[in-house]
Structures are given as structure tokens and as C-alpha cells.
Amino acid sequence: MSTKDSYKLLTSAIIPRPIAFISTIAEDGTPNLAPFSYFSMISHNPPLLSVSFSLSPRRPKDTRENILATKEFTVNIISEHFIEAANVTAVEAPADVDEWIISGLTMEPSSQVKPACVKESLFSMECQLHFSHDILDLKTSDVTNSLVLGLIKQVHVNKSVLAENGLVIDPAKLRPVARLGGNTYARLTDTFDVPRPDWKNIRDAVKGSGKNLR
């Protein structure tokens, strides 16, 4: 399978993917803002998230370069109410272009890192570079992707998205946008609960059916 076909297949099957809307600052002070969907939480103790950047043969990703150089970034969750503005920042603009200006989004000063948070985002994380690793093509050994782990130093939560108990986020209030394949996105508001199984109930049911557990 070609690299292009692999991308189309995997990104249309491994869904929905959360989107990391990442704010960075270049060494020369130029701010950068861009969305990435190779993104996940990997640990709550310590609080770590992961983002992977596919490297363009034309030029490195500005976001990756800025993170490796300054060791700081913010990750902002995209909600439905500003998806169009966030999408503008996905344009492959020259490195000296300020995506904040072309998107019309608002900088919110961070408390632990220099890159700003996105004021329109209802959930933002200030991060410090924890680990980075280049991923190589198995045949040519060229660098094709770069994995970054970010240590979450500070979290900003808009109180309007908290559930009634005040401890968790209500997805119906956050209304996050997820990435599917191609140019397709998804709303994450149609949810349902599946209770965690109880071992005693499963054990008794299997024994009652006459089957041996071992």
C-alpha cells in the first residue's frame, strides 16, 4: 500500500480523533497557531499528552520547530462555535505569517508558558516539552513523523462546560469537534453509558452456562 493510500485508510478508520489546537512562539518571537489530529492524552500522573507531526517534504512544521526550540506550547480544544476560524489556521502559510491575525481569534495570556491560550477555547492546557522522538521511514530511514510529549503545567476550564458536580466536563456543553477522514469533522454530543462489568456477575454467568473458566 502506498503512503498516500495508507494515510487515507487509517485516518478514515481511526476515528473520531480529538484535535489539538496548538499555540507556539518561534525563537524570533513570531506566534503560530495550528490544528493537529494525531493527538491524545497518555497519562494523568504525571499529566501528559502526545502530539505527532507529519513532516512535509517541502519544509518542517512550524509548530514542531517552535516546540523543539522553545520547549513550550499550549493545547486548546476546538468547540463548534469557532471551528471555521480554527480551520483558517490549517492553511500552509509562510513561516512569518501570524495565524492569529488571519483567523481573528483572540490571545489569552498564559500563566506558566509564553505561548498564549485561545480565548475562544473552553478548555486549554499550558504545556512544557517532556520528550520528543523522530519516527523514521522503515525503508529509507528518512524522518517522516515527529512525536512530542507535553507535560501539562496548567489547565484553564471555562466554568460553563462543567457538569453539575463541578468535577468533570459535560461534552454537551463543551461541544468539541473531532476529525474524521478527509475534510470531514464530527460532533461529539450523541453519547451513551456502558457500565464497567462486574467480575462476580460474569463469573457466575459463565459457571451457570456449564463452561469452564480455565
C-alpha atoms as a PDB file:
ATOM      1  CA  MET A   1       0.000   0.000   0.000  1.00  0.00           C
ATOM      2  CA  SER A   2       1.312   3.450  -0.891  1.00  0.00           C
ATOM      3  CA  THR A   3       1.918   6.099   1.760  1.00  0.00           C
ATOM      4  CA  LYS A   4      -0.956   8.158   0.356  1.00  0.00           C
ATOM      5  CA  ASP A   5      -3.375   5.220   0.468  1.00  0.00           C
ATOM      6  CA  SER A   6      -2.217   4.292   3.970  1.00  0.00           C
ATOM      7  CA  TYR A   7      -2.984   7.825   5.135  1.00  0.00           C
ATOM      8  CA  LYS A   8      -6.459   7.798   3.590  1.00  0.00           C
ATOM      9  CA  LEU A   9      -7.339   4.399   5.046  1.00  0.00           C
ATOM     10  CA  LEU A  10      -6.018   4.934   8.568  1.00  0.00           C
ATOM     11  CA  THR A  11      -7.338   8.468   9.040  1.00  0.00           C
ATOM     12  CA  SER A  12     -10.798   7.399   7.883  1.00  0.00           C
ATOM     13  CA  ALA A  13     -10.859   4.323  10.161  1.00  0.00           C
ATOM     14  CA  ILE A  14      -9.187   5.514  13.367  1.00  0.00           C
ATOM     15  CA  ILE A  15     -11.939   7.944  14.311  1.00  0.00           C
ATOM     16  CA  PRO A  16     -13.026  10.176  15.870  1.00  0.00           C
ATOM     17  CA  ARG A  17      -9.728  11.896  16.604  1.00  0.00           C
ATOM     18  CA  PRO A  18      -9.561  14.841  19.022  1.00  0.00           C
ATOM     19  CA  ILE A  19      -7.906  17.963  17.670  1.00  0.00           C
ATOM     20  CA  ALA A  20      -5.012  19.705  19.403  1.00  0.00           C
ATOM     21  CA  PHE A  21      -5.200  23.392  18.530  1.00  0.00           C
ATOM     22  CA  ILE A  22      -1.601  24.331  19.307  1.00  0.00           C
ATOM     23  CA  SER A  23      -0.219  27.774  20.052  1.00  0.00           C
ATOM     24  CA  THR A  24       3.562  28.297  19.912  1.00  0.00           C
ATOM     25  CA  ILE A  25       6.088  31.100  19.568  1.00  0.00           C
ATOM     26  CA  ALA A  26       9.118  30.956  17.261  1.00  0.00           C
ATOM     27  CA  GLU A  27      12.577  31.902  18.511  1.00  0.00           C
ATOM     28  CA  ASP A  28      12.244  35.236  16.679  1.00  0.00           C
ATOM     29  CA  GLY A  29       9.006  35.961  18.553  1.00  0.00           C
ATOM     30  CA  THR A  30       6.556  35.121  15.749  1.00  0.00           C
ATOM     31  CA  PRO A  31       3.417  33.463  17.165  1.00  0.00           C
ATOM     32  CA  ASN A  32       1.981  30.383  15.457  1.00  0.00           C
ATOM     33  CA  LEU A  33      -1.382  28.649  15.698  1.00  0.00           C
ATOM     34  CA  ALA A  34      -2.353  25.363  14.002  1.00  0.00           C
ATOM     35  CA  PRO A  35      -4.589  22.269  14.453  1.00  0.00           C
ATOM     36  CA  PHE A  36      -3.330  18.663  14.668  1.00  0.00           C
ATOM     37  CA  SER A  37      -5.363  15.461  14.997  1.00  0.00           C
ATOM     38  CA  TYR A  38      -2.585  12.959  15.803  1.00  0.00           C
ATOM     39  CA  PHE A  39      -3.286  13.837  19.420  1.00  0.00           C
ATOM     40  CA  SER A  40      -4.131  12.031  22.660  1.00  0.00           C
ATOM     41  CA  MET A  41      -3.833  12.006  26.451  1.00  0.00           C
ATOM     42  CA  ILE A  42      -1.322   9.356  27.569  1.00  0.00           C
ATOM     43  CA  SER A  43      -1.099   9.776  31.341  1.00  0.00           C
ATOM     44  CA  HIS A  44      -2.797  11.577  34.229  1.00  0.00           C
ATOM     45  CA  ASN A  45       0.117  11.067  36.663  1.00  0.00           C
ATOM     46  CA  PRO A  46       2.129  12.872  35.528  1.00  0.00           C
ATOM     47  CA  PRO A  47      -0.383  14.689  33.277  1.00  0.00           C
ATOM     48  CA  LEU A  48       0.975  14.082  29.773  1.00  0.00           C
ATOM     49  CA  LEU A  49      -0.413  14.465  26.275  1.00  0.00           C
ATOM     50  CA  SER A  50       1.007  13.398  22.926  1.00  0.00           C
ATOM     51  CA  VAL A  51       1.022  15.066  19.526  1.00  0.00           C
ATOM     52  CA  SER A  52       2.559  13.679  16.349  1.00  0.00           C
ATOM     53  CA  PHE A  53       3.566  15.843  13.396  1.00  0.00           C
ATOM     54  CA  SER A  54       3.786  14.529   9.835  1.00  0.00           C
ATOM     55  CA  LEU A  55       6.785  16.175   8.210  1.00  0.00           C
ATOM     56  CA  SER A  56       6.296  17.857   4.869  1.00  0.00           C
ATOM     57  CA  PRO A  57       8.990  17.261   2.226  1.00  0.00           C
ATOM     58  CA  ARG A  58       8.731  20.960   1.399  1.00  0.00           C
ATOM     59  CA  ARG A  59       9.505  22.342   4.860  1.00  0.00           C
ATOM     60  CA  PRO A  60       9.289  21.367   8.552  1.00  0.00           C
ATOM     61  CA  LYS A  61       6.108  22.048  10.502  1.00  0.00           C
ATOM     62  CA  ASP A  62       6.422  25.438  12.204  1.00  0.00           C
ATOM     63  CA  THR A  63       4.671  24.132  15.323  1.00  0.00           C
ATOM     64  CA  ARG A  64       7.128  21.262  15.739  1.00  0.00           C
ATOM     65  CA  GLU A  65      10.124  23.505  15.162  1.00  0.00           C
ATOM     66  CA  ASN A  66       8.859  26.025  17.707  1.00  0.00           C
ATOM     67  CA  ILE A  67       8.186  23.385  20.376  1.00  0.00           C
ATOM     68  CA  LEU A  68      11.629  21.840  19.977  1.00  0.00           C
ATOM     69  CA  ALA A  69      13.281  25.263  20.107  1.00  0.00           C
ATOM     70  CA  THR A  70      11.374  26.901  22.977  1.00  0.00           C
ATOM     71  CA  LYS A  71      10.101  23.820  24.882  1.00  0.00           C
ATOM     72  CA  GLU A  72       6.686  25.462  25.401  1.00  0.00           C
ATOM     73  CA  PHE A  73       3.210  25.366  23.834  1.00  0.00           C
ATOM     74  CA  THR A  74      -0.482  25.444  24.649  1.00  0.00           C
ATOM     75  CA  VAL A  75      -3.141  22.985  23.515  1.00  0.00           C
ATOM     76  CA  ASN A  76      -6.662  24.308  23.100  1.00  0.00           C
ATOM     77  CA  ILE A  77      -9.777  22.224  22.499  1.00  0.00           C
ATOM     78  CA  ILE A  78     -11.820  23.324  19.483  1.00  0.00           C
ATOM     79  CA  SER A  79     -15.557  23.695  20.034  1.00  0.00           C
ATOM     80  CA  GLU A  80     -18.216  24.063  17.344  1.00  0.00           C
ATOM     81  CA  HIS A  81     -18.641  27.801  17.828  1.00  0.00           C
ATOM     82  CA  PHE A  82     -15.187  28.618  16.403  1.00  0.00           C
ATOM     83  CA  ILE A  83     -14.385  25.689  14.082  1.00  0.00           C
ATOM     84  CA  GLU A  84     -14.418  27.928  10.980  1.00  0.00           C
ATOM     85  CA  ALA A  85     -11.879  30.330  12.478  1.00  0.00           C
ATOM     86  CA  ALA A  86      -9.707  27.439  13.679  1.00  0.00           C
ATOM     87  CA  ASN A  87      -9.802  25.850  10.223  1.00  0.00           C
ATOM     88  CA  VAL A  88      -8.318  29.010   8.681  1.00  0.00           C
ATOM     89  CA  THR A  89      -5.091  28.315  10.588  1.00  0.00           C
ATOM     90  CA  ALA A  90      -4.656  24.984   8.761  1.00  0.00           C
ATOM     91  CA  VAL A  91      -3.589  26.889   5.633  1.00  0.00           C
ATOM     92  CA  GLU A  92       0.033  26.276   4.612  1.00  0.00           C
ATOM     93  CA  ALA A  93       1.125  29.881   5.070  1.00  0.00           C
ATOM     94  CA  PRO A  94       4.715  31.214   5.078  1.00  0.00           C
ATOM     95  CA  ALA A  95       6.537  30.826   8.392  1.00  0.00           C
ATOM     96  CA  ASP A  96       6.397  34.560   9.157  1.00  0.00           C
ATOM     97  CA  VAL A  97       2.579  34.750   8.876  1.00  0.00           C
ATOM     98  CA  ASP A  98       0.666  35.252  12.136  1.00  0.00           C
ATOM     99  CA  GLU A  99      -2.276  32.820  12.152  1.00  0.00           C
ATOM    100  CA  TRP A 100      -3.888  34.755  14.999  1.00  0.00           C
ATOM    101  CA  ILE A 101      -4.416  37.673  12.626  1.00  0.00           C
ATOM    102  CA  ILE A 102      -5.821  35.703   9.693  1.00  0.00           C
ATOM    103  CA  SER A 103      -8.150  33.671  11.934  1.00  0.00           C
ATOM    104  CA  GLY A 104      -9.426  36.567  14.018  1.00  0.00           C
ATOM    105  CA  LEU A 105      -9.025  34.505  17.195  1.00  0.00           C
ATOM    106  CA  THR A 106      -8.064  36.113  20.499  1.00  0.00           C
ATOM    107  CA  MET A 107      -4.880  35.642  22.519  1.00  0.00           C
ATOM    108  CA  GLU A 108      -5.367  34.897  26.220  1.00  0.00           C
ATOM    109  CA  PRO A 109      -2.112  35.297  28.217  1.00  0.00           C
ATOM    110  CA  SER A 110      -0.814  32.081  29.784  1.00  0.00           C
ATOM    111  CA  SER A 111       0.479  31.880  33.356  1.00  0.00           C
ATOM    112  CA  GLN A 112       3.196  29.196  33.089  1.00  0.00           C
ATOM    113  CA  VAL A 113       4.415  29.442  29.465  1.00  0.00           C
ATOM    114  CA  LYS A 114       4.955  32.202  26.896  1.00  0.00           C
ATOM    115  CA  PRO A 115       2.616  30.989  24.094  1.00  0.00           C
ATOM    116  CA  ALA A 116      -0.914  32.312  24.551  1.00  0.00           C
ATOM    117  CA  CYS A 117      -4.053  30.267  25.012  1.00  0.00           C
ATOM    118  CA  VAL A 118      -7.008  30.716  22.660  1.00  0.00           C
ATOM    119  CA  LYS A 119      -9.609  32.808  24.479  1.00  0.00           C
ATOM    120  CA  GLU A 120     -12.442  31.284  22.442  1.00  0.00           C
ATOM    121  CA  SER A 121     -11.482  27.786  23.638  1.00  0.00           C
ATOM    122  CA  LEU A 122     -13.441  26.500  26.632  1.00  0.00           C
ATOM    123  CA  PHE A 123     -10.619  24.161  27.715  1.00  0.00           C
ATOM    124  CA  SER A 124      -6.912  24.949  27.354  1.00  0.00           C
ATOM    125  CA  MET A 125      -3.669  23.402  28.609  1.00  0.00           C
ATOM    126  CA  GLU A 126      -0.312  25.087  29.087  1.00  0.00           C
ATOM    127  CA  CYS A 127       2.425  22.568  28.274  1.00  0.00           C
ATOM    128  CA  GLN A 128       6.159  22.086  28.594  1.00  0.00           C
ATOM    129  CA  LEU A 129       8.104  19.766  26.291  1.00  0.00           C
ATOM    130  CA  HIS A 130       8.656  16.493  28.156  1.00  0.00           C
ATOM    131  CA  PHE A 131      10.015  14.234  25.393  1.00  0.00           C
ATOM    132  CA  SER A 132      10.422  14.168  21.618  1.00  0.00           C
ATOM    133  CA  HIS A 133      11.237  11.373  19.203  1.00  0.00           C
ATOM    134  CA  ASP A 134      11.624  11.292  15.418  1.00  0.00           C
ATOM    135  CA  ILE A 135       9.906   8.438  13.557  1.00  0.00           C
ATOM    136  CA  LEU A 136      11.784   7.009  10.569  1.00  0.00           C
ATOM    137  CA  ASP A 137      10.678   5.518   7.271  1.00  0.00           C
ATOM    138  CA  LEU A 138      11.367   1.776   7.597  1.00  0.00           C
ATOM    139  CA  LYS A 139      12.971   1.611   4.143  1.00  0.00           C
ATOM    140  CA  THR A 140      14.836   4.884   3.715  1.00  0.00           C
ATOM    141  CA  SER A 141      15.375   5.906   7.367  1.00  0.00           C
ATOM    142  CA  ASP A 142      14.141   9.396   6.474  1.00  0.00           C
ATOM    143  CA  VAL A 143      12.295  11.200   9.261  1.00  0.00           C
ATOM    144  CA  THR A 144       8.582  11.075   8.396  1.00  0.00           C
ATOM    145  CA  ASN A 145       6.927  11.999  11.680  1.00  0.00           C
ATOM    146  CA  SER A 146       7.898  13.539  14.978  1.00  0.00           C
ATOM    147  CA  LEU A 147       6.314  12.603  18.309  1.00  0.00           C
ATOM    148  CA  VAL A 148       6.113  15.143  21.121  1.00  0.00           C
ATOM    149  CA  LEU A 149       5.010  14.541  24.698  1.00  0.00           C
ATOM    150  CA  GLY A 150       3.847  17.585  26.611  1.00  0.00           C
ATOM    151  CA  LEU A 151       3.740  17.924  30.387  1.00  0.00           C
ATOM    152  CA  ILE A 152       0.573  19.804  31.335  1.00  0.00           C
ATOM    153  CA  LYS A 153       1.600  22.618  33.676  1.00  0.00           C
ATOM    154  CA  GLN A 154      -1.693  24.492  33.914  1.00  0.00           C
ATOM    155  CA  VAL A 155      -5.296  23.861  32.867  1.00  0.00           C
ATOM    156  CA  HIS A 156      -7.895  26.522  32.086  1.00  0.00           C
ATOM    157  CA  VAL A 157     -11.557  25.463  32.206  1.00  0.00           C
ATOM    158  CA  ASN A 158     -14.498  27.693  31.392  1.00  0.00           C
ATOM    159  CA  LYS A 159     -16.977  27.036  34.199  1.00  0.00           C
ATOM    160  CA  SER A 160     -19.835  26.939  31.698  1.00  0.00           C
ATOM    161  CA  VAL A 161     -18.735  23.482  30.455  1.00  0.00           C
ATOM    162  CA  LEU A 162     -18.573  21.780  33.850  1.00  0.00           C
ATOM    163  CA  ALA A 163     -21.095  19.094  34.755  1.00  0.00           C
ATOM    164  CA  GLU A 164     -23.360  19.644  37.757  1.00  0.00           C
ATOM    165  CA  ASN A 165     -20.860  18.062  40.169  1.00  0.00           C
ATOM    166  CA  GLY A 166     -18.211  20.522  39.018  1.00  0.00           C
ATOM    167  CA  LEU A 167     -15.541  17.834  38.627  1.00  0.00           C
ATOM    168  CA  VAL A 168     -15.861  16.710  35.000  1.00  0.00           C
ATOM    169  CA  ILE A 169     -16.545  18.264  31.614  1.00  0.00           C
ATOM    170  CA  ASP A 170     -20.010  17.887  30.100  1.00  0.00           C
ATOM    171  CA  PRO A 171     -19.467  17.134  26.370  1.00  0.00           C
ATOM    172  CA  ALA A 172     -22.881  18.595  25.551  1.00  0.00           C
ATOM    173  CA  LYS A 173     -21.615  21.919  26.928  1.00  0.00           C
ATOM    174  CA  LEU A 174     -18.059  21.744  25.585  1.00  0.00           C
ATOM    175  CA  ARG A 175     -19.306  20.641  22.150  1.00  0.00           C
ATOM    176  CA  PRO A 176     -15.836  19.558  20.968  1.00  0.00           C
ATOM    177  CA  VAL A 177     -15.124  18.948  17.300  1.00  0.00           C
ATOM    178  CA  ALA A 178     -13.372  15.746  16.194  1.00  0.00           C
ATOM    179  CA  ARG A 179     -11.539  14.913  12.982  1.00  0.00           C
ATOM    180  CA  LEU A 180     -12.621  12.107  10.659  1.00  0.00           C
ATOM    181  CA  GLY A 181     -11.181  11.283   7.234  1.00  0.00           C
ATOM    182  CA  GLY A 182     -10.612  13.885   4.527  1.00  0.00           C
ATOM    183  CA  ASN A 183     -12.290  17.217   5.257  1.00  0.00           C
ATOM    184  CA  THR A 184     -14.984  15.639   7.440  1.00  0.00           C
ATOM    185  CA  TYR A 185     -15.494  16.506  11.095  1.00  0.00           C
ATOM    186  CA  ALA A 186     -17.839  15.187  13.779  1.00  0.00           C
ATOM    187  CA  ARG A 187     -19.856  16.492  16.700  1.00  0.00           C
ATOM    188  CA  LEU A 188     -19.449  14.545  19.946  1.00  0.00           C
ATOM    189  CA  THR A 189     -22.828  15.150  21.554  1.00  0.00           C
ATOM    190  CA  ASP A 190     -24.629  11.829  20.947  1.00  0.00           C
ATOM    191  CA  THR A 191     -23.296   9.805  23.898  1.00  0.00           C
ATOM    192  CA  PHE A 192     -24.327   6.742  25.902  1.00  0.00           C
ATOM    193  CA  ASP A 193     -23.067   4.961  29.035  1.00  0.00           C
ATOM    194  CA  VAL A 194     -21.752   1.389  29.175  1.00  0.00           C
ATOM    195  CA  PRO A 195     -21.225   0.328  32.828  1.00  0.00           C
ATOM    196  CA  ARG A 196     -17.953  -1.410  33.665  1.00  0.00           C
ATOM    197  CA  PRO A 197     -18.576  -5.200  34.044  1.00  0.00           C
ATOM    198  CA  ASP A 198     -18.580  -6.793  37.497  1.00  0.00           C
ATOM    199  CA  TRP A 199     -16.315  -9.862  37.669  1.00  0.00           C
ATOM    200  CA  LYS A 200     -18.595 -11.769  40.068  1.00  0.00           C
ATOM    201  CA  ASN A 201     -21.576 -11.436  37.737  1.00  0.00           C
ATOM    202  CA  ILE A 202     -19.542 -12.583  34.723  1.00  0.00           C
ATOM    203  CA  ARG A 203     -18.020 -15.490  36.657  1.00  0.00           C
ATOM    204  CA  ASP A 204     -21.413 -16.697  37.900  1.00  0.00           C
ATOM    205  CA  ALA A 205     -22.953 -16.388  34.435  1.00  0.00           C
ATOM    206  CA  VAL A 206     -20.170 -18.432  32.827  1.00  0.00           C
ATOM    207  CA  LYS A 207     -20.323 -21.092  35.535  1.00  0.00           C
ATOM    208  CA  GLY A 208     -24.097 -21.227  35.201  1.00  0.00           C
ATOM    209  CA  SER A 209     -23.746 -21.965  31.494  1.00  0.00           C
ATOM    210  CA  GLY A 210     -21.683 -25.058  32.285  1.00  0.00           C
ATOM    211  CA  LYS A 211     -18.473 -23.684  30.747  1.00  0.00           C
ATOM    212  CA  ASN A 212     -15.072 -23.940  32.413  1.00  0.00           C
ATOM    213  CA  LEU A 213     -13.309 -20.647  33.085  1.00  0.00           C
ATOM    214  CA  ARG A 214      -9.869 -22.259  32.846  1.00  0.00           C
END
